[in-house]
């Protein structure tokens, strides 16, 4: 039985490369299928991401508020210097 390839195989080395590539692709496809069937973890992962974003936003708000307050204070000081 002769195997039909999409492109011509000229020697045994190329046939070995094709077999190896086919095995690698088959392994990757199997791992992909395993990862795709983990449905129960999706909700937990999304909840963890949302919690992490909320924590980072809360932690960064104090620094951001301080910097914004300082910027407006500097603007106010400069404007009052120009108006007097």
C-alpha atoms as a PDB file:
ATOM      1  CA  UNK A   1       0.000   0.000   0.000  1.00  0.00           C
ATOM      2  CA  UNK A   2       1.451   3.328  -1.059  1.00  0.00           C
ATOM      3  CA  UNK A   3       0.869   6.477   1.006  1.00  0.00           C
ATOM      4  CA  UNK A   4      -0.204   9.499  -1.000  1.00  0.00           C
ATOM      5  CA  UNK A   5       1.500  12.713   0.151  1.00  0.00           C
ATOM      6  CA  UNK A   6       0.420  16.247  -0.756  1.00  0.00           C
ATOM      7  CA  UNK A   7       3.942  16.884  -2.065  1.00  0.00           C
ATOM      8  CA  UNK A   8       6.398  14.381  -3.536  1.00  0.00           C
ATOM      9  CA  UNK A   9       8.797  12.581  -1.189  1.00  0.00           C
ATOM     10  CA  UNK A  10      12.128  11.994  -2.866  1.00  0.00           C
ATOM     11  CA  UNK A  11      13.993   9.998  -0.211  1.00  0.00           C
ATOM     12  CA  UNK A  12      13.595   8.150   3.085  1.00  0.00           C
ATOM     13  CA  UNK A  13      14.959  11.109   5.063  1.00  0.00           C
ATOM     14  CA  UNK A  14      12.094  13.318   3.879  1.00  0.00           C
ATOM     15  CA  UNK A  15       9.626  10.541   4.684  1.00  0.00           C
ATOM     16  CA  UNK A  16      11.080  10.377   8.210  1.00  0.00           C
ATOM     17  CA  UNK A  17      10.705  14.139   8.569  1.00  0.00           C
ATOM     18  CA  UNK A  18       7.090  13.913   7.447  1.00  0.00           C
ATOM     19  CA  UNK A  19       6.369  11.142   9.940  1.00  0.00           C
ATOM     20  CA  UNK A  20       8.013  13.100  12.746  1.00  0.00           C
ATOM     21  CA  UNK A  21       6.091  16.279  11.827  1.00  0.00           C
ATOM     22  CA  UNK A  22       2.837  14.321  11.696  1.00  0.00           C
ATOM     23  CA  UNK A  23       3.529  12.874  15.157  1.00  0.00           C
ATOM     24  CA  UNK A  24       4.352  16.313  16.586  1.00  0.00           C
ATOM     25  CA  UNK A  25       1.194  17.832  15.114  1.00  0.00           C
ATOM     26  CA  UNK A  26      -0.895  14.930  16.411  1.00  0.00           C
ATOM     27  CA  UNK A  27       0.557  15.407  19.911  1.00  0.00           C
ATOM     28  CA  UNK A  28      -0.105  19.155  19.819  1.00  0.00           C
ATOM     29  CA  UNK A  29      -3.657  18.557  18.630  1.00  0.00           C
ATOM     30  CA  UNK A  30      -4.268  16.073  21.460  1.00  0.00           C
ATOM     31  CA  UNK A  31      -2.957  18.567  24.033  1.00  0.00           C
ATOM     32  CA  UNK A  32      -5.134  21.287  22.514  1.00  0.00           C
ATOM     33  CA  UNK A  33      -8.203  19.066  22.805  1.00  0.00           C
ATOM     34  CA  UNK A  34      -7.434  18.377  26.470  1.00  0.00           C
ATOM     35  CA  UNK A  35      -7.122  22.091  27.178  1.00  0.00           C
ATOM     36  CA  UNK A  36     -10.350  22.863  25.366  1.00  0.00           C
ATOM     37  CA  UNK A  37     -12.380  20.399  27.472  1.00  0.00           C
ATOM     38  CA  UNK A  38     -11.682  22.068  30.817  1.00  0.00           C
ATOM     39  CA  UNK A  39     -15.018  23.874  30.936  1.00  0.00           C
ATOM     40  CA  UNK A  40     -15.459  24.044  34.714  1.00  0.00           C
ATOM     41  CA  UNK A  41     -12.416  26.216  35.286  1.00  0.00           C
ATOM     42  CA  UNK A  42     -13.522  29.087  33.057  1.00  0.00           C
ATOM     43  CA  UNK A  43     -15.765  30.761  35.613  1.00  0.00           C
ATOM     44  CA  UNK A  44     -13.175  30.441  38.379  1.00  0.00           C
ATOM     45  CA  UNK A  45     -10.445  31.860  36.150  1.00  0.00           C
ATOM     46  CA  UNK A  46     -12.584  34.840  35.149  1.00  0.00           C
ATOM     47  CA  UNK A  47     -13.482  35.493  38.783  1.00  0.00           C
ATOM     48  CA  UNK A  48      -9.800  35.433  39.755  1.00  0.00           C
ATOM     49  CA  UNK A  49      -8.902  37.836  36.947  1.00  0.00           C
ATOM     50  CA  UNK A  50     -11.677  40.243  37.961  1.00  0.00           C
ATOM     51  CA  UNK A  51     -10.584  40.072  41.610  1.00  0.00           C
ATOM     52  CA  UNK A  52      -6.965  40.739  40.636  1.00  0.00           C
ATOM     53  CA  UNK A  53      -7.961  43.734  38.493  1.00  0.00           C
ATOM     54  CA  UNK A  54     -10.150  45.102  41.293  1.00  0.00           C
ATOM     55  CA  UNK A  55      -7.329  44.687  43.830  1.00  0.00           C
ATOM     56  CA  UNK A  56      -4.786  46.386  41.533  1.00  0.00           C
ATOM     57  CA  UNK A  57      -7.195  49.240  40.800  1.00  0.00           C
ATOM     58  CA  UNK A  58      -7.898  49.765  44.506  1.00  0.00           C
ATOM     59  CA  UNK A  59      -4.209  49.679  45.382  1.00  0.00           C
ATOM     60  CA  UNK A  60      -3.340  52.111  42.594  1.00  0.00           C
ATOM     61  CA  UNK A  61      -6.116  54.609  43.305  1.00  0.00           C
ATOM     62  CA  UNK A  62      -4.402  56.135  46.350  1.00  0.00           C
ATOM     63  CA  UNK A  63      -1.214  56.859  44.401  1.00  0.00           C
ATOM     64  CA  UNK A  64      -3.168  58.103  41.400  1.00  0.00           C
ATOM     65  CA  UNK A  65      -5.344  60.380  43.538  1.00  0.00           C
ATOM     66  CA  UNK A  66      -2.263  61.839  45.244  1.00  0.00           C
ATOM     67  CA  UNK A  67      -0.570  62.515  41.904  1.00  0.00           C
ATOM     68  CA  UNK A  68      -3.690  64.135  40.418  1.00  0.00           C
ATOM     69  CA  UNK A  69      -4.126  66.301  43.525  1.00  0.00           C
ATOM     70  CA  UNK A  70      -0.468  67.376  43.309  1.00  0.00           C
ATOM     71  CA  UNK A  71      -0.827  68.206  39.593  1.00  0.00           C
ATOM     72  CA  UNK A  72      -3.875  70.405  40.197  1.00  0.00           C
ATOM     73  CA  UNK A  73      -2.142  72.095  43.138  1.00  0.00           C
ATOM     74  CA  UNK A  74       0.831  72.923  40.901  1.00  0.00           C
ATOM     75  CA  UNK A  75      -1.475  74.252  38.183  1.00  0.00           C
ATOM     76  CA  UNK A  76      -3.335  76.385  40.727  1.00  0.00           C
ATOM     77  CA  UNK A  77      -0.082  77.768  42.128  1.00  0.00           C
ATOM     78  CA  UNK A  78       1.176  78.735  38.660  1.00  0.00           C
ATOM     79  CA  UNK A  79      -2.146  80.293  37.677  1.00  0.00           C
ATOM     80  CA  UNK A  80      -2.307  82.343  40.865  1.00  0.00           C
ATOM     81  CA  UNK A  81       1.240  83.563  40.160  1.00  0.00           C
ATOM     82  CA  UNK A  82       0.165  84.833  36.730  1.00  0.00           C
ATOM     83  CA  UNK A  83      -2.985  86.562  37.988  1.00  0.00           C
ATOM     84  CA  UNK A  84      -1.393  88.596  40.802  1.00  0.00           C
END
